[in-house]
Amino acid sequence: MMAKIVQGRGFKGVINYVLDKDKAQLLYSEGIRTKDKESIIRSFIAQSQMNPISKPVAHISLNFSTQDKKRLTDSAMVGIAVEYMKQMGYDNTQYIVVRHQDREHPHIHLVINRIDNDGKRISDKNEKFRSTEVCMELTKKYSLYVASGKENVKRNRLQEPDKTKYEIYDAIKATVPKCKNWKELTEALRKQGIRFEKNDYPFNGSQIDHSCSYSKIDFQLKQNEKAQDIQIKQENIHSQNQPSVLESVSSALGGLFDIQPSGTDYDLDEAELLKQHKFKKKKKKGFRI
């Protein structure tokens, strides 16, 4: 579950947007006359005039994974939306919950009045940070599928500069594991036309994604280098411990062709003579009375 928050100046535009979408469904409302769109707009405006501010509109979309599509009935999504609103401090104001069917993934739109029922302005301090925490909490509470970030984004729907950002992100993610230093990475990316800049859009790594910051890429490259060094050492140790072909043959033949180490003080013929000499002495001793 993820939330996207936008602030706005007027209710007419956002109400027309969320309700004019194909197959848009008004699932729930609080403190709003819902006879028609005009009634909804007038209800929001009337309350916002109790304490005029520059941006009285909060437009929040709650997005869920396609993995949860069958589970997310209209009533389930309303329940999650109401709980989200309460934890965000929007439980004492006007709002509507609208479900859209124009995307593959389930999602709803919340239109909220930042002026509450008592005429007080609802604070937006640290709103996005708080929203992220609430989304994580509700995702765990309802055992919702946890999407893997950028990997699930529909590339074909992106516009510039996001389209280029994602192209760079994909290239970095695919290339970093194959490199062990910045020289190799730079050369590999250069071949793909990437210098942390593409299509005249300059980016630093952290602007593309937190996982693409200099420190994180540098750490991964060093880990790659260490892993390669360990692998090379293991291969060397393994090769040193392997017996030679001649030793293997000798072992297989039960020592039939045993070979004396170099540097010995006697050769095979001398060894045989010594054995025979010892045998003769033992034999001679055996006949004494």
C-alpha atoms as a PDB file:
ATOM      1  CA  MET A   1       0.000   0.000   0.000  1.00  0.00           C
ATOM      2  CA  MET A   2       1.371   3.392  -1.023  1.00  0.00           C
ATOM      3  CA  ALA A   3      -0.034   6.912  -0.841  1.00  0.00           C
ATOM      4  CA  LYS A   4       0.494   9.886  -3.116  1.00  0.00           C
ATOM      5  CA  ILE A   5      -0.433  13.252  -1.613  1.00  0.00           C
ATOM      6  CA  VAL A   6      -1.175  16.428  -3.573  1.00  0.00           C
ATOM      7  CA  GLN A   7      -2.347  19.786  -2.249  1.00  0.00           C
ATOM      8  CA  GLY A   8      -4.704  21.964  -4.289  1.00  0.00           C
ATOM      9  CA  ARG A   9      -6.312  25.378  -4.375  1.00  0.00           C
ATOM     10  CA  GLY A  10      -9.809  24.499  -5.595  1.00  0.00           C
ATOM     11  CA  PHE A  11     -12.276  21.638  -5.172  1.00  0.00           C
ATOM     12  CA  LYS A  12     -13.984  21.895  -8.562  1.00  0.00           C
ATOM     13  CA  GLY A  13     -11.078  20.567 -10.614  1.00  0.00           C
ATOM     14  CA  VAL A  14     -10.249  17.619  -8.359  1.00  0.00           C
ATOM     15  CA  ILE A  15     -13.919  16.584  -7.950  1.00  0.00           C
ATOM     16  CA  ASN A  16     -14.417  16.624 -11.705  1.00  0.00           C
ATOM     17  CA  TYR A  17     -11.262  14.545 -12.124  1.00  0.00           C
ATOM     18  CA  VAL A  18     -12.047  11.811  -9.601  1.00  0.00           C
ATOM     19  CA  LEU A  19     -15.742  11.470 -10.521  1.00  0.00           C
ATOM     20  CA  ASP A  20     -15.498  11.793 -14.308  1.00  0.00           C
ATOM     21  CA  LYS A  21     -13.126   8.869 -14.750  1.00  0.00           C
ATOM     22  CA  ASP A  22     -14.578   5.868 -16.570  1.00  0.00           C
ATOM     23  CA  LYS A  23     -16.286   3.518 -14.076  1.00  0.00           C
ATOM     24  CA  ALA A  24     -15.468   5.805 -11.126  1.00  0.00           C
ATOM     25  CA  GLN A  25     -17.387   4.725  -8.015  1.00  0.00           C
ATOM     26  CA  LEU A  26     -18.188   6.982  -5.074  1.00  0.00           C
ATOM     27  CA  LEU A  27     -17.804   4.475  -2.245  1.00  0.00           C
ATOM     28  CA  TYR A  28     -18.089   6.644   0.841  1.00  0.00           C
ATOM     29  CA  SER A  29     -18.440  10.252   2.037  1.00  0.00           C
ATOM     30  CA  GLU A  30     -18.304  12.125   5.318  1.00  0.00           C
ATOM     31  CA  GLY A  31     -20.081  15.480   5.891  1.00  0.00           C
ATOM     32  CA  ILE A  32     -20.870  15.915   2.187  1.00  0.00           C
ATOM     33  CA  ARG A  33     -24.100  16.299   0.247  1.00  0.00           C
ATOM     34  CA  THR A  34     -23.781  13.745  -2.563  1.00  0.00           C
ATOM     35  CA  LYS A  35     -26.849  14.480  -4.701  1.00  0.00           C
ATOM     36  CA  ASP A  36     -24.586  15.356  -7.646  1.00  0.00           C
ATOM     37  CA  LYS A  37     -21.133  16.754  -8.395  1.00  0.00           C
ATOM     38  CA  GLU A  38     -22.246  20.343  -7.886  1.00  0.00           C
ATOM     39  CA  SER A  39     -23.598  19.507  -4.439  1.00  0.00           C
ATOM     40  CA  ILE A  40     -20.315  17.846  -3.494  1.00  0.00           C
ATOM     41  CA  ILE A  41     -18.267  20.833  -4.692  1.00  0.00           C
ATOM     42  CA  ARG A  42     -20.478  23.358  -2.865  1.00  0.00           C
ATOM     43  CA  SER A  43     -20.256  21.332   0.373  1.00  0.00           C
ATOM     44  CA  PHE A  44     -16.461  21.398   0.304  1.00  0.00           C
ATOM     45  CA  ILE A  45     -16.287  25.104  -0.573  1.00  0.00           C
ATOM     46  CA  ALA A  46     -18.747  26.130   2.135  1.00  0.00           C
ATOM     47  CA  GLN A  47     -16.666  24.537   4.897  1.00  0.00           C
ATOM     48  CA  SER A  48     -13.342  25.769   3.510  1.00  0.00           C
ATOM     49  CA  GLN A  49     -14.625  29.358   3.714  1.00  0.00           C
ATOM     50  CA  MET A  50     -14.846  29.051   7.499  1.00  0.00           C
ATOM     51  CA  ASN A  51     -11.067  29.595   7.533  1.00  0.00           C
ATOM     52  CA  PRO A  52      -9.735  30.530   4.068  1.00  0.00           C
ATOM     53  CA  ILE A  53      -6.246  29.234   3.250  1.00  0.00           C
ATOM     54  CA  SER A  54      -4.319  29.104  -0.041  1.00  0.00           C
ATOM     55  CA  LYS A  55      -4.547  25.297  -0.458  1.00  0.00           C
ATOM     56  CA  PRO A  56      -7.587  23.811   1.302  1.00  0.00           C
ATOM     57  CA  VAL A  57      -7.622  20.644  -0.841  1.00  0.00           C
ATOM     58  CA  ALA A  58      -5.874  17.396   0.056  1.00  0.00           C
ATOM     59  CA  HIS A  59      -6.017  14.842  -2.762  1.00  0.00           C
ATOM     60  CA  ILE A  60      -4.593  11.467  -1.759  1.00  0.00           C
ATOM     61  CA  SER A  61      -4.493   8.304  -3.855  1.00  0.00           C
ATOM     62  CA  LEU A  62      -4.042   4.993  -2.034  1.00  0.00           C
ATOM     63  CA  ASN A  63      -2.486   2.388  -4.299  1.00  0.00           C
ATOM     64  CA  PHE A  64      -2.392  -1.362  -3.734  1.00  0.00           C
ATOM     65  CA  SER A  65      -0.662  -4.282  -5.421  1.00  0.00           C
ATOM     66  CA  THR A  66      -2.408  -6.328  -8.103  1.00  0.00           C
ATOM     67  CA  GLN A  67      -1.603  -9.322  -5.876  1.00  0.00           C
ATOM     68  CA  ASP A  68      -4.371  -8.126  -3.510  1.00  0.00           C
ATOM     69  CA  LYS A  69      -6.955  -7.379  -6.184  1.00  0.00           C
ATOM     70  CA  LYS A  70      -9.330 -10.220  -5.271  1.00  0.00           C
ATOM     71  CA  ARG A  71      -9.181  -9.400  -1.568  1.00  0.00           C
ATOM     72  CA  LEU A  72      -9.816  -5.673  -1.916  1.00  0.00           C
ATOM     73  CA  THR A  73     -13.585  -5.422  -2.123  1.00  0.00           C
ATOM     74  CA  ASP A  74     -15.230  -2.000  -2.013  1.00  0.00           C
ATOM     75  CA  SER A  75     -16.033  -2.365   1.684  1.00  0.00           C
ATOM     76  CA  ALA A  76     -12.474  -3.504   2.482  1.00  0.00           C
ATOM     77  CA  MET A  77     -11.000  -0.473   0.726  1.00  0.00           C
ATOM     78  CA  VAL A  78     -13.382   1.888   2.523  1.00  0.00           C
ATOM     79  CA  GLY A  79     -12.371   0.354   5.856  1.00  0.00           C
ATOM     80  CA  ILE A  80      -8.671   0.860   5.088  1.00  0.00           C
ATOM     81  CA  ALA A  81      -9.323   4.418   3.870  1.00  0.00           C
ATOM     82  CA  VAL A  82     -11.232   5.380   7.029  1.00  0.00           C
ATOM     83  CA  GLU A  83      -8.461   3.966   9.225  1.00  0.00           C
ATOM     84  CA  TYR A  84      -5.810   5.777   7.186  1.00  0.00           C
ATOM     85  CA  MET A  85      -7.756   9.049   7.523  1.00  0.00           C
ATOM     86  CA  LYS A  86      -8.035   8.649  11.287  1.00  0.00           C
ATOM     87  CA  GLN A  87      -4.331   7.988  11.787  1.00  0.00           C
ATOM     88  CA  MET A  88      -3.465  10.945   9.555  1.00  0.00           C
ATOM     89  CA  GLY A  89      -5.680  13.298  11.616  1.00  0.00           C
ATOM     90  CA  TYR A  90      -8.422  13.695   9.008  1.00  0.00           C
ATOM     91  CA  ASP A  91     -11.226  12.082  10.975  1.00  0.00           C
ATOM     92  CA  ASN A  92     -12.906  15.401  11.909  1.00  0.00           C
ATOM     93  CA  THR A  93     -13.399  16.847   8.455  1.00  0.00           C
ATOM     94  CA  GLN A  94     -15.193  16.345   5.119  1.00  0.00           C
ATOM     95  CA  TYR A  95     -13.956  13.772   2.626  1.00  0.00           C
ATOM     96  CA  ILE A  96     -15.025  11.393  -0.104  1.00  0.00           C
ATOM     97  CA  VAL A  97     -13.651   7.992  -1.154  1.00  0.00           C
ATOM     98  CA  VAL A  98     -13.752   7.187  -4.875  1.00  0.00           C
ATOM     99  CA  ARG A  99     -12.579   3.969  -6.516  1.00  0.00           C
ATOM    100  CA  HIS A 100     -11.087   4.009 -10.014  1.00  0.00           C
ATOM    101  CA  GLN A 101     -10.841   1.076 -12.425  1.00  0.00           C
ATOM    102  CA  ASP A 102      -8.542   2.667 -15.020  1.00  0.00           C
ATOM    103  CA  ARG A 103      -5.383   0.908 -13.872  1.00  0.00           C
ATOM    104  CA  GLU A 104      -4.319  -2.684 -13.421  1.00  0.00           C
ATOM    105  CA  HIS A 105      -3.727  -2.238  -9.706  1.00  0.00           C
ATOM    106  CA  PRO A 106      -6.531  -1.431  -7.211  1.00  0.00           C
ATOM    107  CA  HIS A 107      -6.569   2.179  -6.049  1.00  0.00           C
ATOM    108  CA  ILE A 108      -8.843   4.771  -4.483  1.00  0.00           C
ATOM    109  CA  HIS A 109      -8.871   8.568  -4.384  1.00  0.00           C
ATOM    110  CA  LEU A 110      -9.535  10.582  -1.249  1.00  0.00           C
ATOM    111  CA  VAL A 111     -10.581  14.222  -1.547  1.00  0.00           C
ATOM    112  CA  ILE A 112     -10.258  15.902   1.846  1.00  0.00           C
ATOM    113  CA  ASN A 113     -11.033  19.351   3.254  1.00  0.00           C
ATOM    114  CA  ARG A 114      -8.041  20.751   5.143  1.00  0.00           C
ATOM    115  CA  ILE A 115     -10.411  22.940   7.130  1.00  0.00           C
ATOM    116  CA  ASP A 116     -12.055  20.683   9.686  1.00  0.00           C
ATOM    117  CA  ASN A 117     -15.615  20.664  11.005  1.00  0.00           C
ATOM    118  CA  ASP A 118     -14.678  23.204  13.684  1.00  0.00           C
ATOM    119  CA  GLY A 119     -13.150  25.632  11.201  1.00  0.00           C
ATOM    120  CA  LYS A 120      -9.569  24.783  12.176  1.00  0.00           C
ATOM    121  CA  ARG A 121      -6.779  24.191   9.689  1.00  0.00           C
ATOM    122  CA  ILE A 122      -5.486  20.603   9.671  1.00  0.00           C
ATOM    123  CA  SER A 123      -1.703  20.606   9.929  1.00  0.00           C
ATOM    124  CA  ASP A 124       0.291  19.095   7.081  1.00  0.00           C
ATOM    125  CA  LYS A 125       3.570  19.055   9.043  1.00  0.00           C
ATOM    126  CA  ASN A 126       5.684  15.997   8.122  1.00  0.00           C
ATOM    127  CA  GLU A 127       2.629  14.740   6.241  1.00  0.00           C
ATOM    128  CA  LYS A 128       4.426  12.575   3.715  1.00  0.00           C
ATOM    129  CA  PHE A 129       6.670  11.024   6.327  1.00  0.00           C
ATOM    130  CA  ARG A 130       3.686  10.256   8.576  1.00  0.00           C
ATOM    131  CA  SER A 131       1.786   8.859   5.600  1.00  0.00           C
ATOM    132  CA  THR A 132       4.621   6.448   4.780  1.00  0.00           C
ATOM    133  CA  GLU A 133       4.599   5.133   8.347  1.00  0.00           C
ATOM    134  CA  VAL A 134       0.794   4.719   8.368  1.00  0.00           C
ATOM    135  CA  CYS A 135       0.886   2.882   5.022  1.00  0.00           C
ATOM    136  CA  MET A 136       3.533   0.477   6.329  1.00  0.00           C
ATOM    137  CA  GLU A 137       1.521  -0.141   9.490  1.00  0.00           C
ATOM    138  CA  LEU A 138      -1.705  -0.852   7.592  1.00  0.00           C
ATOM    139  CA  THR A 139       0.114  -3.027   5.061  1.00  0.00           C
ATOM    140  CA  LYS A 140       1.368  -5.234   7.900  1.00  0.00           C
ATOM    141  CA  LYS A 141      -1.930  -5.163   9.800  1.00  0.00           C
ATOM    142  CA  TYR A 142      -3.970  -6.383   6.834  1.00  0.00           C
ATOM    143  CA  SER A 143      -1.201  -8.655   5.444  1.00  0.00           C
ATOM    144  CA  LEU A 144      -1.133  -6.762   2.166  1.00  0.00           C
ATOM    145  CA  TYR A 145       1.407  -7.612  -0.496  1.00  0.00           C
ATOM    146  CA  VAL A 146       4.622  -5.611  -0.213  1.00  0.00           C
ATOM    147  CA  ALA A 147       5.660  -4.397  -3.642  1.00  0.00           C
ATOM    148  CA  SER A 148       9.382  -4.275  -4.477  1.00  0.00           C
ATOM    149  CA  GLY A 149       9.529  -0.616  -5.374  1.00  0.00           C
ATOM    150  CA  LYS A 150      10.733   0.397  -8.817  1.00  0.00           C
ATOM    151  CA  GLU A 151      10.657  -3.151 -10.181  1.00  0.00           C
ATOM    152  CA  ASN A 152       6.839  -3.020 -10.288  1.00  0.00           C
ATOM    153  CA  VAL A 153       6.559   0.340 -12.055  1.00  0.00           C
ATOM    154  CA  LYS A 154       5.045   0.189 -15.549  1.00  0.00           C
ATOM    155  CA  ARG A 155       7.866   1.567 -17.688  1.00  0.00           C
ATOM    156  CA  ASN A 156       5.669   2.097 -20.742  1.00  0.00           C
ATOM    157  CA  ARG A 157       3.473   4.563 -18.822  1.00  0.00           C
ATOM    158  CA  LEU A 158       6.339   6.849 -17.781  1.00  0.00           C
ATOM    159  CA  GLN A 159       6.924  10.349 -19.135  1.00  0.00           C
ATOM    160  CA  GLU A 160      10.161  12.338 -19.156  1.00  0.00           C
ATOM    161  CA  PRO A 161      12.187  12.861 -17.066  1.00  0.00           C
ATOM    162  CA  ASP A 162      10.973   9.802 -15.100  1.00  0.00           C
ATOM    163  CA  LYS A 163      11.310   7.575 -18.177  1.00  0.00           C
ATOM    164  CA  THR A 164      15.038   8.303 -18.421  1.00  0.00           C
ATOM    165  CA  LYS A 165      15.528   7.990 -14.658  1.00  0.00           C
ATOM    166  CA  TYR A 166      14.140   4.474 -14.753  1.00  0.00           C
ATOM    167  CA  GLU A 167      16.294   3.552 -17.746  1.00  0.00           C
ATOM    168  CA  ILE A 168      19.371   4.620 -15.787  1.00  0.00           C
ATOM    169  CA  TYR A 169      18.110   2.809 -12.673  1.00  0.00           C
ATOM    170  CA  ASP A 170      17.614  -0.446 -14.611  1.00  0.00           C
ATOM    171  CA  ALA A 171      21.051  -0.159 -16.237  1.00  0.00           C
ATOM    172  CA  ILE A 172      22.811   0.456 -12.901  1.00  0.00           C
ATOM    173  CA  LYS A 173      20.991  -2.401 -11.159  1.00  0.00           C
ATOM    174  CA  ALA A 174      21.922  -4.809 -13.951  1.00  0.00           C
ATOM    175  CA  THR A 175      25.552  -3.641 -14.280  1.00  0.00           C
ATOM    176  CA  VAL A 176      26.816  -3.095 -10.709  1.00  0.00           C
ATOM    177  CA  PRO A 177      26.781  -6.818  -9.751  1.00  0.00           C
ATOM    178  CA  LYS A 178      29.096  -7.554 -12.696  1.00  0.00           C
ATOM    179  CA  CYS A 179      31.768  -4.973 -11.755  1.00  0.00           C
ATOM    180  CA  LYS A 180      34.367  -4.816  -8.970  1.00  0.00           C
ATOM    181  CA  ASN A 181      35.483  -1.183  -9.230  1.00  0.00           C
ATOM    182  CA  TRP A 182      34.380   2.222 -10.526  1.00  0.00           C
ATOM    183  CA  LYS A 183      36.525   1.960 -13.651  1.00  0.00           C
ATOM    184  CA  GLU A 184      34.724  -1.196 -14.785  1.00  0.00           C
ATOM    185  CA  LEU A 185      31.319   0.254 -13.906  1.00  0.00           C
ATOM    186  CA  THR A 186      31.974   3.554 -15.674  1.00  0.00           C
ATOM    187  CA  GLU A 187      33.137   1.750 -18.813  1.00  0.00           C
ATOM    188  CA  ALA A 188      30.173  -0.632 -18.799  1.00  0.00           C
ATOM    189  CA  LEU A 189      27.684   2.219 -18.375  1.00  0.00           C
ATOM    190  CA  ARG A 190      29.465   4.314 -21.006  1.00  0.00           C
ATOM    191  CA  LYS A 191      28.846   1.550 -23.539  1.00  0.00           C
ATOM    192  CA  GLN A 192      25.124   1.947 -22.761  1.00  0.00           C
ATOM    193  CA  GLY A 193      25.314   5.716 -23.253  1.00  0.00           C
ATOM    194  CA  ILE A 194      25.036   6.474 -19.537  1.00  0.00           C
ATOM    195  CA  ARG A 195      27.243   8.841 -17.571  1.00  0.00           C
ATOM    196  CA  PHE A 196      24.702   9.464 -14.797  1.00  0.00           C
ATOM    197  CA  GLU A 197      23.270  11.662 -17.484  1.00  0.00           C
ATOM    198  CA  LYS A 198      21.074  10.646 -20.390  1.00  0.00           C
ATOM    199  CA  ASN A 199      18.844  12.362 -22.951  1.00  0.00           C
ATOM    200  CA  ASP A 200      20.096  15.747 -21.636  1.00  0.00           C
ATOM    201  CA  TYR A 201      18.740  14.970 -18.158  1.00  0.00           C
ATOM    202  CA  PRO A 202      21.517  15.123 -15.506  1.00  0.00           C
ATOM    203  CA  PHE A 203      21.126  13.071 -12.331  1.00  0.00           C
ATOM    204  CA  ASN A 204      23.216  12.140  -9.345  1.00  0.00           C
ATOM    205  CA  GLY A 205      22.809   8.591  -8.102  1.00  0.00           C
ATOM    206  CA  SER A 206      20.616   9.383  -5.101  1.00  0.00           C
ATOM    207  CA  GLN A 207      18.185  11.325  -7.318  1.00  0.00           C
ATOM    208  CA  ILE A 208      17.626   8.164  -9.335  1.00  0.00           C
ATOM    209  CA  ASP A 209      17.139   5.993  -6.251  1.00  0.00           C
ATOM    210  CA  HIS A 210      18.553   5.792  -2.719  1.00  0.00           C
ATOM    211  CA  SER A 211      20.127   2.450  -3.632  1.00  0.00           C
ATOM    212  CA  CYS A 212      22.086   4.224  -6.397  1.00  0.00           C
ATOM    213  CA  SER A 213      23.889   6.727  -4.170  1.00  0.00           C
ATOM    214  CA  TYR A 214      27.700   6.891  -4.442  1.00  0.00           C
ATOM    215  CA  SER A 215      28.263   5.299  -1.032  1.00  0.00           C
ATOM    216  CA  LYS A 216      25.959   2.340  -1.693  1.00  0.00           C
ATOM    217  CA  ILE A 217      27.341   1.639  -5.156  1.00  0.00           C
ATOM    218  CA  ASP A 218      30.904   1.957  -3.816  1.00  0.00           C
ATOM    219  CA  PHE A 219      30.129  -0.505  -1.014  1.00  0.00           C
ATOM    220  CA  GLN A 220      28.651  -3.007  -3.478  1.00  0.00           C
ATOM    221  CA  LEU A 221      31.653  -2.753  -5.802  1.00  0.00           C
ATOM    222  CA  LYS A 222      34.020  -3.439  -2.901  1.00  0.00           C
ATOM    223  CA  GLN A 223      31.927  -6.437  -1.883  1.00  0.00           C
ATOM    224  CA  ASN A 224      32.088  -7.723  -5.469  1.00  0.00           C
ATOM    225  CA  GLU A 225      35.875  -7.373  -5.454  1.00  0.00           C
ATOM    226  CA  LYS A 226      36.188  -9.235  -2.140  1.00  0.00           C
ATOM    227  CA  ALA A 227      33.929 -12.022  -3.369  1.00  0.00           C
ATOM    228  CA  GLN A 228      36.015 -12.388  -6.545  1.00  0.00           C
ATOM    229  CA  ASP A 229      39.281 -12.486  -4.542  1.00  0.00           C
ATOM    230  CA  ILE A 230      37.886 -15.191  -2.263  1.00  0.00           C
ATOM    231  CA  GLN A 231      36.750 -17.237  -5.257  1.00  0.00           C
ATOM    232  CA  ILE A 232      40.181 -16.988  -6.902  1.00  0.00           C
ATOM    233  CA  LYS A 233      41.913 -18.082  -3.666  1.00  0.00           C
ATOM    234  CA  GLN A 234      39.578 -21.039  -3.280  1.00  0.00           C
ATOM    235  CA  GLU A 235      40.219 -22.104  -6.874  1.00  0.00           C
ATOM    236  CA  ASN A 236      44.007 -21.873  -6.324  1.00  0.00           C
ATOM    237  CA  ILE A 237      43.833 -23.945  -3.131  1.00  0.00           C
ATOM    238  CA  HIS A 238      41.674 -26.517  -4.890  1.00  0.00           C
ATOM    239  CA  SER A 239      44.091 -26.799  -7.812  1.00  0.00           C
ATOM    240  CA  GLN A 240      47.108 -27.153  -5.484  1.00  0.00           C
ATOM    241  CA  ASN A 241      45.437 -29.994  -3.588  1.00  0.00           C
ATOM    242  CA  GLN A 242      44.699 -31.956  -6.760  1.00  0.00           C
ATOM    243  CA  PRO A 243      47.153 -34.915  -7.303  1.00  0.00           C
ATOM    244  CA  SER A 244      49.217 -34.963 -10.465  1.00  0.00           C
ATOM    245  CA  VAL A 245      48.228 -37.279 -13.311  1.00  0.00           C
ATOM    246  CA  LEU A 246      51.236 -39.509 -12.650  1.00  0.00           C
ATOM    247  CA  GLU A 247      50.445 -39.740  -8.935  1.00  0.00           C
ATOM    248  CA  SER A 248      46.855 -40.644  -9.725  1.00  0.00           C
ATOM    249  CA  VAL A 249      47.916 -43.435 -12.072  1.00  0.00           C
ATOM    250  CA  SER A 250      50.418 -44.773  -9.546  1.00  0.00           C
ATOM    251  CA  SER A 251      47.794 -44.778  -6.801  1.00  0.00           C
ATOM    252  CA  ALA A 252      45.276 -46.508  -9.043  1.00  0.00           C
ATOM    253  CA  LEU A 253      47.797 -49.296  -9.822  1.00  0.00           C
ATOM    254  CA  GLY A 254      48.451 -49.954  -6.135  1.00  0.00           C
ATOM    255  CA  GLY A 255      52.007 -48.571  -6.140  1.00  0.00           C
ATOM    256  CA  LEU A 256      53.197 -50.939  -8.873  1.00  0.00           C
ATOM    257  CA  PHE A 257      55.255 -48.169 -10.392  1.00  0.00           C
ATOM    258  CA  ASP A 258      56.223 -46.308  -7.212  1.00  0.00           C
ATOM    259  CA  ILE A 259      58.656 -43.512  -7.913  1.00  0.00           C
ATOM    260  CA  GLN A 260      61.481 -42.530  -5.589  1.00  0.00           C
ATOM    261  CA  PRO A 261      61.698 -38.862  -4.628  1.00  0.00           C
ATOM    262  CA  SER A 262      64.499 -36.926  -6.241  1.00  0.00           C
ATOM    263  CA  GLY A 263      67.612 -36.345  -4.146  1.00  0.00           C
ATOM    264  CA  THR A 264      67.693 -39.865  -2.611  1.00  0.00           C
ATOM    265  CA  ASP A 265      71.086 -41.391  -1.772  1.00  0.00           C
ATOM    266  CA  TYR A 266      70.470 -44.589  -3.700  1.00  0.00           C
ATOM    267  CA  ASP A 267      68.681 -45.668  -6.827  1.00  0.00           C
ATOM    268  CA  LEU A 268      66.274 -48.568  -7.308  1.00  0.00           C
ATOM    269  CA  ASP A 269      69.039 -51.062  -8.210  1.00  0.00           C
ATOM    270  CA  GLU A 270      70.966 -50.247  -5.049  1.00  0.00           C
ATOM    271  CA  ALA A 271      67.842 -50.632  -2.971  1.00  0.00           C
ATOM    272  CA  GLU A 272      67.200 -54.053  -4.447  1.00  0.00           C
ATOM    273  CA  LEU A 273      70.792 -55.169  -3.682  1.00  0.00           C
ATOM    274  CA  LEU A 274      70.421 -54.064  -0.071  1.00  0.00           C
ATOM    275  CA  LYS A 275      67.211 -56.099   0.298  1.00  0.00           C
ATOM    276  CA  GLN A 276      68.899 -59.201  -1.149  1.00  0.00           C
ATOM    277  CA  HIS A 277      71.908 -58.791   1.150  1.00  0.00           C
ATOM    278  CA  LYS A 278      69.691 -58.583   4.249  1.00  0.00           C
ATOM    279  CA  PHE A 279      67.697 -61.644   3.084  1.00  0.00           C
ATOM    280  CA  LYS A 280      70.945 -63.703   2.695  1.00  0.00           C
ATOM    281  CA  LYS A 281      72.092 -62.770   6.207  1.00  0.00           C
ATOM    282  CA  LYS A 282      68.788 -63.821   7.751  1.00  0.00           C
ATOM    283  CA  LYS A 283      68.792 -67.085   5.782  1.00  0.00           C
ATOM    284  CA  LYS A 284      72.369 -67.904   6.896  1.00  0.00           C
ATOM    285  CA  LYS A 285      71.516 -67.322  10.555  1.00  0.00           C
ATOM    286  CA  GLY A 286      68.619 -69.719  10.279  1.00  0.00           C
ATOM    287  CA  PHE A 287      70.926 -72.781   9.724  1.00  0.00           C
ATOM    288  CA  ARG A 288      73.144 -72.262  12.785  1.00  0.00           C
ATOM    289  CA  ILE A 289      73.038 -74.896  15.593  1.00  0.00           C
END
